[in-house]
Amino acid sequence: MFDLVLACFLGIACGALTGFIPGIHVNTAGAIIFASSTFLLGFLSPEFLCVFLVAMSIAHAMIEFVPSMMLGVPEEGSALSVLPGHRMVLEGRSKEAIRIVSLGGFGAIIVTILMLPVFAILLPATHSFIKPFTCILLFFGSIYMTWRMSNGMRAFGWSLILFILSGIMGWTMFQTPISSGLAMMCIFSGLFGISTILFSLNDGSFIPHQNKFYDLELNKDMIKSTFAGGIAGSILGFLPGFGPAQGGVIVQVAMGSDGEDDTTNFLTSISGLNTSDTLFSLFAIYLIGNPRSGIAVYMNYLIETFSISHLMIFTFTALTSVAISVILCLKLGDSFSRLMENVDYKKLSISVIVLMIAILYIFGIIYKAPLPYLTLMLIASTALGLLPHYLGISKSHLMGVLIVPAMVIYFTMFT
């Protein structure tokens, strides 16, 4: 038992590190562990490695919001938080933003665990029934979400165009000889990272003094948003083509918000969705035998028979990880916000852009990706990511980059 406790703490430490480094996805660290599993299993148990992976993924999902909001550097799960969170930082409200996402992430894990018996009854049959109709659900759901999040016909027209263009970009990128993980890193860096930072620079933004006092009260709306994020993250198990990014759009529609006018509740639900989806992707191995994330895939290979005892161990690991990660998120976030006050925003922004590009090309060289493809897609995604800022519409519509390829895949699968 002591070895599993050790694995949990080591995983939390590794997840905090990967979550705090811009552009590093938790699946990258997971892939390294899995690639080394033949050697590691010589002196470690499969349960040790799986507990490590669970703790790392939960800690990463919590802490990744800090660089996402403060630097404008997104990953799939935190992409929708970039604009409202980054705006709070530019308003001197970084401490408040950090506490909002911490509360949402912690609460959603509790909600997901409490709802497990319900999902154990409903998910297996519902998943089998819905799967053939996934393409139809994605199509009509996307049209409805685009309409609900648009203010007038002009905005709807532009939103639909951006949704389609981003979808074409996503499909094109996944057809190139570039690994899917690297492709997503490139696309999200351009659509939500570099484009957001460039617009902030052009808009004359600067980092103000960060308010040490914050007005954050746990009210009925925040509790409702926490439940919304937790349940939405779990419901993604019923929708095979949806990930945390698409689920974030569902939450926006359900709340009747675009993330611009109700920042507190929006961030609470988005952070909750991200962490609950991370945990539920592990539950899905036991419930439907379908791992729904890179980490879950690795665990499915490491453990031949996923039993109820494994489920209990990983649930306890998730509870421990999220409790410790809340503390780390608060401490690291507050320290980082103090550090940012003494840094020139323009220099910091340029440095972050350079760092993102450097990390992208380093991984491109490691994975032997064709760099011309990578360069062209980075430029195109950055240009496309700038358009919503100038058109005055939500960047959520750029999630077509993942939804459209999923629609095409499920259409060809069941036709």
Protein backbone atom coordinates (compact mmCIF):
# COMPACT_ATOMS: atom_id res chain seq x y z
CA MET A 1 0.00 0.00 0.00
CA PHE A 2 2.89 2.38 0.77
CA ASP A 3 4.14 2.03 -2.79
CA LEU A 4 0.76 3.23 -4.15
CA VAL A 5 0.82 6.25 -1.81
CA LEU A 6 4.31 7.04 -3.09
CA ALA A 7 3.10 6.66 -6.69
CA CYS A 8 0.25 9.08 -5.96
CA PHE A 9 2.56 11.80 -4.62
CA LEU A 10 5.07 11.33 -7.43
CA GLY A 11 2.25 11.59 -9.96
CA ILE A 12 0.96 14.81 -8.39
CA ALA A 13 4.46 16.33 -8.54
CA CYS A 14 4.87 15.34 -12.19
CA GLY A 15 1.39 16.61 -13.08
CA ALA A 16 2.10 19.94 -11.43
CA LEU A 17 5.26 20.25 -13.52
CA THR A 18 3.64 19.35 -16.84
CA GLY A 19 0.61 21.51 -16.07
CA PHE A 20 2.74 24.56 -15.36
CA ILE A 21 4.94 24.31 -18.47
CA PRO A 22 3.23 25.99 -21.48
CA GLY A 23 2.48 23.65 -24.35
CA ILE A 24 3.25 20.38 -22.54
CA HIS A 25 0.30 17.98 -22.67
CA VAL A 26 -0.20 15.36 -19.98
CA ASN A 27 -0.39 12.69 -22.70
CA THR A 28 3.21 13.51 -23.63
CA ALA A 29 4.45 12.60 -20.14
CA GLY A 30 2.11 9.60 -20.15
CA ALA A 31 3.54 8.40 -23.44
CA ILE A 32 7.07 8.53 -21.99
CA ILE A 33 6.00 6.45 -18.98
CA PHE A 34 4.15 3.97 -21.18
CA ALA A 35 7.07 3.67 -23.60
CA SER A 36 9.30 2.86 -20.62
CA SER A 37 6.79 0.45 -19.07
CA THR A 38 8.61 -2.70 -20.22
CA PHE A 39 11.64 -1.62 -18.21
CA LEU A 40 9.67 -0.15 -15.28
CA LEU A 41 7.49 -3.25 -14.83
CA GLY A 42 10.65 -5.15 -13.99
CA PHE A 43 10.57 -3.64 -10.50
CA LEU A 44 7.22 -1.79 -10.30
CA SER A 45 3.66 -3.16 -10.38
CA PRO A 46 1.13 -2.18 -13.07
CA GLU A 47 -0.98 -0.65 -10.27
CA PHE A 48 1.94 1.60 -9.28
CA LEU A 49 2.25 2.98 -12.80
CA CYS A 50 -1.53 3.41 -13.15
CA VAL A 51 -1.86 5.26 -9.83
CA PHE A 52 1.00 7.49 -10.97
CA LEU A 53 -0.80 8.21 -14.25
CA VAL A 54 -4.13 8.93 -12.53
CA ALA A 55 -2.55 11.34 -10.04
CA MET A 56 -0.54 13.04 -12.78
CA SER A 57 -3.57 13.54 -15.04
CA ILE A 58 -5.74 15.00 -12.25
CA ALA A 59 -2.98 17.36 -11.04
CA HIS A 60 -2.26 18.47 -14.60
CA ALA A 61 -5.97 19.13 -15.29
CA MET A 62 -6.14 21.38 -12.22
CA ILE A 63 -2.90 23.30 -12.59
CA GLU A 64 -2.90 23.81 -16.37
CA PHE A 65 -5.39 26.66 -15.91
CA VAL A 66 -2.68 28.82 -14.30
CA PRO A 67 -0.49 29.26 -17.43
CA SER A 68 -3.60 29.17 -19.63
CA MET A 69 -5.17 32.18 -17.96
CA MET A 70 -2.06 34.16 -17.04
CA LEU A 71 -0.10 33.70 -20.24
CA GLY A 72 -2.90 32.94 -22.70
CA VAL A 73 -1.43 29.51 -23.47
CA PRO A 74 -4.15 26.87 -23.94
CA GLU A 75 -4.57 23.14 -24.22
CA GLU A 76 -7.72 21.40 -25.38
CA GLY A 77 -9.34 21.30 -21.96
CA SER A 78 -8.54 24.88 -20.98
CA ALA A 79 -8.82 26.59 -24.37
CA LEU A 80 -12.19 28.20 -23.67
CA SER A 81 -10.90 29.65 -20.39
CA VAL A 82 -8.18 31.67 -22.10
CA LEU A 83 -10.18 34.80 -22.95
CA PRO A 84 -12.23 35.28 -19.74
CA GLY A 85 -9.38 34.13 -17.49
CA HIS A 86 -6.72 36.18 -19.25
CA ARG A 87 -9.02 39.19 -19.14
CA MET A 88 -9.33 38.83 -15.36
CA VAL A 89 -5.53 38.80 -15.10
CA LEU A 90 -5.35 42.01 -17.15
CA GLU A 91 -7.89 43.49 -14.73
CA GLY A 92 -5.71 42.64 -11.72
CA ARG A 93 -7.98 39.78 -10.61
CA SER A 94 -5.63 36.83 -11.02
CA LYS A 95 -6.05 35.60 -7.42
CA GLU A 96 -9.81 35.56 -7.85
CA ALA A 97 -9.51 33.64 -11.14
CA ILE A 98 -7.21 31.06 -9.57
CA ARG A 99 -9.67 30.42 -6.75
CA ILE A 100 -12.57 30.12 -9.16
CA VAL A 101 -10.94 27.36 -11.23
CA SER A 102 -9.66 25.61 -8.08
CA LEU A 103 -13.15 25.50 -6.62
CA GLY A 104 -14.69 24.32 -9.88
CA GLY A 105 -12.14 21.55 -10.39
CA PHE A 106 -12.38 20.21 -6.84
CA GLY A 107 -16.17 20.34 -6.69
CA ALA A 108 -16.62 18.63 -10.06
CA ILE A 109 -14.51 15.65 -9.00
CA ILE A 110 -16.81 15.17 -6.00
CA VAL A 111 -19.89 15.44 -8.25
CA THR A 112 -18.46 12.88 -10.70
CA ILE A 113 -17.74 10.36 -7.95
CA LEU A 114 -21.19 10.80 -6.40
CA MET A 115 -22.83 10.28 -9.81
CA LEU A 116 -20.84 7.10 -10.54
CA PRO A 117 -23.64 4.67 -9.52
CA VAL A 118 -26.09 6.44 -11.85
CA PHE A 119 -23.68 6.32 -14.77
CA ALA A 120 -22.88 2.67 -14.05
CA ILE A 121 -26.56 1.89 -14.67
CA LEU A 122 -27.22 4.20 -17.62
CA LEU A 123 -23.98 4.49 -19.57
CA PRO A 124 -23.39 0.99 -21.05
CA ALA A 125 -26.78 0.66 -22.78
CA THR A 126 -27.05 4.32 -23.72
CA HIS A 127 -23.55 4.41 -25.18
CA SER A 128 -24.27 1.44 -27.48
CA PHE A 129 -27.55 2.99 -28.62
CA ILE A 130 -26.18 6.49 -29.32
CA LYS A 131 -22.92 5.57 -31.05
CA PRO A 132 -24.42 4.99 -34.57
CA PHE A 133 -26.13 8.40 -34.40
CA THR A 134 -23.08 10.33 -33.21
CA CYS A 135 -22.58 12.13 -36.53
CA ILE A 136 -26.21 13.36 -36.54
CA LEU A 137 -25.95 14.52 -32.93
CA LEU A 138 -22.71 16.35 -33.66
CA PHE A 139 -24.16 18.05 -36.75
CA PHE A 140 -27.41 19.33 -35.28
CA GLY A 141 -25.79 20.04 -31.91
CA SER A 142 -23.13 22.18 -33.60
CA ILE A 143 -25.71 24.15 -35.60
CA TYR A 144 -27.79 24.73 -32.47
CA MET A 145 -24.80 25.80 -30.38
CA THR A 146 -23.59 28.16 -33.09
CA TRP A 147 -27.02 29.78 -33.29
CA ARG A 148 -27.49 30.06 -29.52
CA MET A 149 -24.08 31.69 -29.06
CA SER A 150 -24.55 34.21 -31.88
CA ASN A 151 -26.03 37.67 -31.51
CA GLY A 152 -27.96 38.19 -34.73
CA MET A 153 -27.77 36.83 -38.27
CA ARG A 154 -24.49 38.57 -39.11
CA ALA A 155 -22.76 37.03 -36.11
CA PHE A 156 -24.32 33.64 -36.88
CA GLY A 157 -23.06 33.81 -40.47
CA TRP A 158 -19.50 34.63 -39.41
CA SER A 159 -19.63 32.05 -36.61
CA LEU A 160 -20.70 29.36 -39.05
CA ILE A 161 -17.93 30.34 -41.47
CA LEU A 162 -15.29 30.19 -38.73
CA PHE A 163 -16.68 26.87 -37.48
CA ILE A 164 -16.42 25.37 -40.98
CA LEU A 165 -12.99 26.87 -41.70
CA SER A 166 -11.56 25.62 -38.41
CA GLY A 167 -13.11 22.20 -39.11
CA ILE A 168 -11.46 22.05 -42.53
CA MET A 169 -8.19 23.06 -40.91
CA GLY A 170 -8.51 20.34 -38.30
CA TRP A 171 -9.33 17.66 -40.85
CA THR A 172 -6.49 18.77 -43.11
CA MET A 173 -4.00 18.78 -40.25
CA PHE A 174 -4.94 15.27 -39.18
CA GLN A 175 -4.33 14.03 -42.75
CA THR A 176 -0.74 15.26 -42.77
CA PRO A 177 2.15 12.99 -41.68
CA ILE A 178 2.14 14.58 -38.22
CA SER A 179 1.14 12.77 -35.03
CA SER A 180 -2.27 13.77 -33.67
CA GLY A 181 -0.80 15.04 -30.40
CA LEU A 182 1.66 17.32 -32.16
CA ALA A 183 -1.03 18.45 -34.60
CA MET A 184 -3.31 19.48 -31.74
CA MET A 185 -0.45 21.30 -30.01
CA CYS A 186 0.20 23.27 -33.20
CA ILE A 187 -3.45 24.09 -33.88
CA PHE A 188 -4.32 25.13 -30.33
CA SER A 189 -1.15 27.19 -30.03
CA GLY A 190 -2.22 29.19 -33.07
CA LEU A 191 -6.00 29.36 -32.63
CA PHE A 192 -6.09 30.20 -28.93
CA GLY A 193 -2.54 30.91 -27.74
CA ILE A 194 -0.42 33.03 -30.05
CA SER A 195 -3.44 34.78 -31.60
CA THR A 196 -4.76 35.84 -28.17
CA ILE A 197 -1.38 37.17 -27.07
CA LEU A 198 -0.85 39.04 -30.34
CA PHE A 199 -4.25 40.69 -30.03
CA SER A 200 -3.49 41.71 -26.43
CA LEU A 201 -0.23 43.27 -27.59
CA ASN A 202 -1.94 45.12 -30.42
CA ASP A 203 -4.68 46.24 -28.04
CA GLY A 204 -2.10 47.88 -25.78
CA SER A 205 -2.78 45.58 -22.82
CA PHE A 206 -0.49 45.56 -19.81
CA ILE A 207 -0.28 43.68 -16.52
CA PRO A 208 -1.67 45.86 -13.74
CA HIS A 209 -1.06 45.47 -10.04
CA GLN A 210 -2.74 42.25 -8.97
CA ASN A 211 -5.31 42.82 -6.26
CA LYS A 212 -4.37 40.96 -3.06
CA PHE A 213 -7.99 41.12 -1.89
CA TYR A 214 -10.66 39.29 -3.82
CA ASP A 215 -14.41 39.18 -3.52
CA LEU A 216 -15.27 35.51 -4.01
CA GLU A 217 -18.25 34.03 -2.27
CA LEU A 218 -19.59 30.52 -2.67
CA ASN A 219 -23.14 31.27 -3.79
CA LYS A 220 -25.95 29.32 -5.41
CA ASP A 221 -24.83 30.14 -8.94
CA MET A 222 -21.29 28.89 -8.35
CA ILE A 223 -22.57 25.65 -6.84
CA LYS A 224 -24.85 25.22 -9.85
CA SER A 225 -21.92 25.89 -12.21
CA THR A 226 -19.80 23.32 -10.38
CA PHE A 227 -22.53 20.71 -10.80
CA ALA A 228 -22.96 21.72 -14.45
CA GLY A 229 -19.25 21.23 -15.14
CA GLY A 230 -19.07 17.92 -13.27
CA ILE A 231 -22.14 16.44 -14.93
CA ALA A 232 -21.20 17.78 -18.38
CA GLY A 233 -17.74 16.22 -18.10
CA SER A 234 -19.36 12.89 -17.29
CA ILE A 235 -22.02 13.15 -19.99
CA LEU A 236 -19.22 13.33 -22.54
CA GLY A 237 -19.02 9.57 -22.00
CA PHE A 238 -22.36 9.32 -23.76
CA LEU A 239 -21.08 11.34 -26.73
CA PRO A 240 -18.11 9.49 -28.30
CA GLY A 241 -17.18 12.37 -30.60
CA PHE A 242 -16.97 15.00 -27.87
CA GLY A 243 -14.00 15.91 -25.69
CA PRO A 244 -13.59 18.54 -22.96
CA ALA A 245 -13.32 21.36 -25.49
CA GLN A 246 -16.63 20.50 -27.15
CA GLY A 247 -18.16 19.87 -23.73
CA GLY A 248 -17.20 23.41 -22.81
CA VAL A 249 -19.37 24.67 -25.63
CA ILE A 250 -22.26 22.56 -24.28
CA VAL A 251 -21.82 24.17 -20.86
CA GLN A 252 -21.85 27.62 -22.44
CA VAL A 253 -25.14 26.92 -24.16
CA ALA A 254 -26.68 25.30 -21.08
CA MET A 255 -25.75 28.36 -19.02
CA GLY A 256 -26.88 30.77 -21.74
CA SER A 257 -23.43 32.39 -21.61
CA ASP A 258 -20.55 32.99 -23.97
CA GLY A 259 -18.02 33.32 -21.21
CA GLU A 260 -17.89 37.07 -21.65
CA ASP A 261 -20.76 38.23 -19.44
CA ASP A 262 -20.62 35.73 -16.58
CA THR A 263 -16.95 35.05 -16.09
CA THR A 264 -17.10 33.57 -12.58
CA ASN A 265 -19.70 30.91 -13.30
CA PHE A 266 -18.24 30.18 -16.72
CA LEU A 267 -14.73 29.54 -15.38
CA THR A 268 -16.14 27.44 -12.55
CA SER A 269 -17.98 25.17 -14.96
CA ILE A 270 -15.12 24.93 -17.48
CA SER A 271 -12.53 23.97 -14.86
CA GLY A 272 -15.01 21.50 -13.40
CA LEU A 273 -15.67 19.97 -16.79
CA ASN A 274 -11.96 19.54 -17.48
CA THR A 275 -11.19 17.67 -14.25
CA SER A 276 -14.39 15.60 -14.26
CA ASP A 277 -13.75 14.52 -17.86
CA THR A 278 -10.24 13.46 -16.84
CA LEU A 279 -11.65 11.23 -14.09
CA PHE A 280 -14.61 9.95 -16.09
CA SER A 281 -12.34 8.87 -18.94
CA LEU A 282 -10.88 6.40 -16.43
CA PHE A 283 -14.31 5.26 -15.25
CA ALA A 284 -15.24 4.59 -18.89
CA ILE A 285 -12.67 1.77 -19.00
CA TYR A 286 -14.65 -0.12 -16.36
CA LEU A 287 -18.14 0.89 -17.47
CA ILE A 288 -17.95 0.44 -21.24
CA GLY A 289 -14.43 -0.88 -21.86
CA ASN A 290 -13.65 2.25 -23.84
CA PRO A 291 -10.73 4.42 -22.66
CA ARG A 292 -11.54 8.03 -23.58
CA SER A 293 -8.14 9.71 -23.16
CA GLY A 294 -4.49 9.04 -23.86
CA ILE A 295 -3.80 8.30 -20.18
CA ALA A 296 -6.77 5.92 -20.03
CA VAL A 297 -5.48 4.08 -23.12
CA TYR A 298 -2.11 3.54 -21.48
CA MET A 299 -3.77 2.26 -18.31
CA ASN A 300 -5.96 -0.10 -20.32
CA TYR A 301 -2.83 -1.68 -21.77
CA LEU A 302 -1.09 -1.92 -18.39
CA ILE A 303 -3.99 -3.65 -16.61
CA GLU A 304 -5.45 -6.68 -18.39
CA THR A 305 -8.61 -6.94 -16.26
CA PHE A 306 -10.02 -3.67 -14.91
CA SER A 307 -11.84 -4.76 -11.72
CA ILE A 308 -13.98 -2.95 -9.16
CA SER A 309 -11.00 -2.92 -6.77
CA HIS A 310 -8.98 -1.02 -9.38
CA LEU A 311 -11.85 1.43 -9.75
CA MET A 312 -11.89 2.07 -5.99
CA ILE A 313 -8.12 2.56 -5.85
CA PHE A 314 -8.15 5.05 -8.72
CA THR A 315 -11.14 6.89 -7.25
CA PHE A 316 -9.31 7.34 -3.94
CA THR A 317 -6.21 8.42 -5.88
CA ALA A 318 -8.27 11.04 -7.71
CA LEU A 319 -9.68 12.40 -4.44
CA THR A 320 -6.22 12.64 -2.90
CA SER A 321 -4.75 14.21 -6.02
CA VAL A 322 -7.43 16.86 -6.45
CA ALA A 323 -7.21 17.84 -2.74
CA ILE A 324 -3.45 18.35 -2.91
CA SER A 325 -3.63 19.93 -6.36
CA VAL A 326 -6.03 22.61 -5.07
CA ILE A 327 -3.37 23.72 -2.59
CA LEU A 328 -0.65 23.62 -5.25
CA CYS A 329 -2.82 25.56 -7.70
CA LEU A 330 -3.43 28.30 -5.14
CA LYS A 331 0.19 28.54 -4.00
CA LEU A 332 1.79 28.33 -7.45
CA GLY A 333 -0.81 30.64 -8.98
CA ASP A 334 -0.40 33.31 -6.30
CA SER A 335 3.39 33.15 -6.55
CA PHE A 336 3.23 33.43 -10.32
CA SER A 337 0.83 36.39 -10.16
CA ARG A 338 3.23 38.26 -7.84
CA LEU A 339 6.08 37.51 -10.21
CA MET A 340 4.14 38.84 -13.18
CA GLU A 341 3.67 42.25 -11.54
CA ASN A 342 7.39 42.94 -11.92
CA VAL A 343 7.61 41.82 -15.53
CA ASP A 344 7.10 43.96 -18.61
CA TYR A 345 3.96 42.59 -20.31
CA LYS A 346 5.23 43.14 -23.84
CA LYS A 347 8.49 41.34 -23.17
CA LEU A 348 6.68 38.56 -21.31
CA SER A 349 4.21 38.08 -24.17
CA ILE A 350 6.92 37.94 -26.80
CA SER A 351 8.89 35.50 -24.64
CA VAL A 352 5.85 33.25 -24.26
CA ILE A 353 5.27 33.24 -28.03
CA VAL A 354 8.90 32.34 -28.64
CA LEU A 355 8.71 29.61 -25.98
CA MET A 356 5.54 28.12 -27.51
CA ILE A 357 7.09 28.07 -30.98
CA ALA A 358 10.34 26.61 -29.63
CA ILE A 359 8.54 23.80 -27.78
CA LEU A 360 6.46 23.05 -30.88
CA TYR A 361 9.52 22.74 -33.10
CA ILE A 362 11.46 20.75 -30.51
CA PHE A 363 8.69 18.16 -30.43
CA GLY A 364 8.45 18.39 -34.22
CA ILE A 365 12.12 17.46 -34.51
CA ILE A 366 11.81 14.71 -31.87
CA TYR A 367 8.85 13.11 -33.66
CA LYS A 368 10.45 13.75 -37.08
CA ALA A 369 7.47 15.76 -38.30
CA PRO A 370 7.67 17.67 -41.60
CA LEU A 371 8.48 21.18 -40.39
CA PRO A 372 7.10 22.99 -43.48
CA TYR A 373 3.64 21.50 -42.75
CA LEU A 374 4.01 22.53 -39.13
CA THR A 375 5.02 26.08 -40.02
CA LEU A 376 2.22 26.55 -42.53
CA MET A 377 -0.43 25.27 -40.11
CA LEU A 378 0.86 27.43 -37.27
CA ILE A 379 0.65 30.56 -39.43
CA ALA A 380 -2.82 29.63 -40.75
CA SER A 381 -4.22 28.76 -37.30
CA THR A 382 -2.86 31.99 -35.81
CA ALA A 383 -4.45 34.05 -38.58
CA LEU A 384 -7.77 32.24 -38.11
CA GLY A 385 -7.53 32.69 -34.34
CA LEU A 386 -7.26 36.46 -34.75
CA LEU A 387 -10.51 36.78 -36.72
CA PRO A 388 -12.99 36.36 -33.82
CA HIS A 389 -11.31 39.23 -31.95
CA TYR A 390 -11.90 41.63 -34.83
CA LEU A 391 -15.34 40.24 -35.78
CA GLY A 392 -16.61 40.50 -32.22
CA ILE A 393 -17.71 36.86 -31.89
CA SER A 394 -16.82 34.05 -29.50
CA LYS A 395 -13.68 31.99 -30.14
CA SER A 396 -15.65 28.94 -29.03
CA HIS A 397 -16.76 28.51 -32.64
CA LEU A 398 -13.19 27.58 -33.51
CA MET A 399 -13.85 24.27 -31.72
CA GLY A 400 -15.01 23.11 -35.14
CA VAL A 401 -11.35 22.14 -35.47
CA LEU A 402 -12.20 19.02 -33.47
CA ILE A 403 -15.93 18.61 -34.00
CA VAL A 404 -15.89 18.53 -37.82
CA PRO A 405 -13.21 15.79 -38.04
CA ALA A 406 -15.20 13.77 -35.49
CA MET A 407 -18.32 14.19 -37.65
CA VAL A 408 -16.48 12.97 -40.74
CA ILE A 409 -15.04 9.96 -38.91
CA TYR A 410 -18.38 8.83 -37.50
CA PHE A 411 -20.15 9.45 -40.82
CA THR A 412 -17.73 7.20 -42.68
CA MET A 413 -17.81 4.63 -39.87
CA PHE A 414 -21.57 4.07 -39.98
CA THR A 415 -22.33 4.56 -43.69
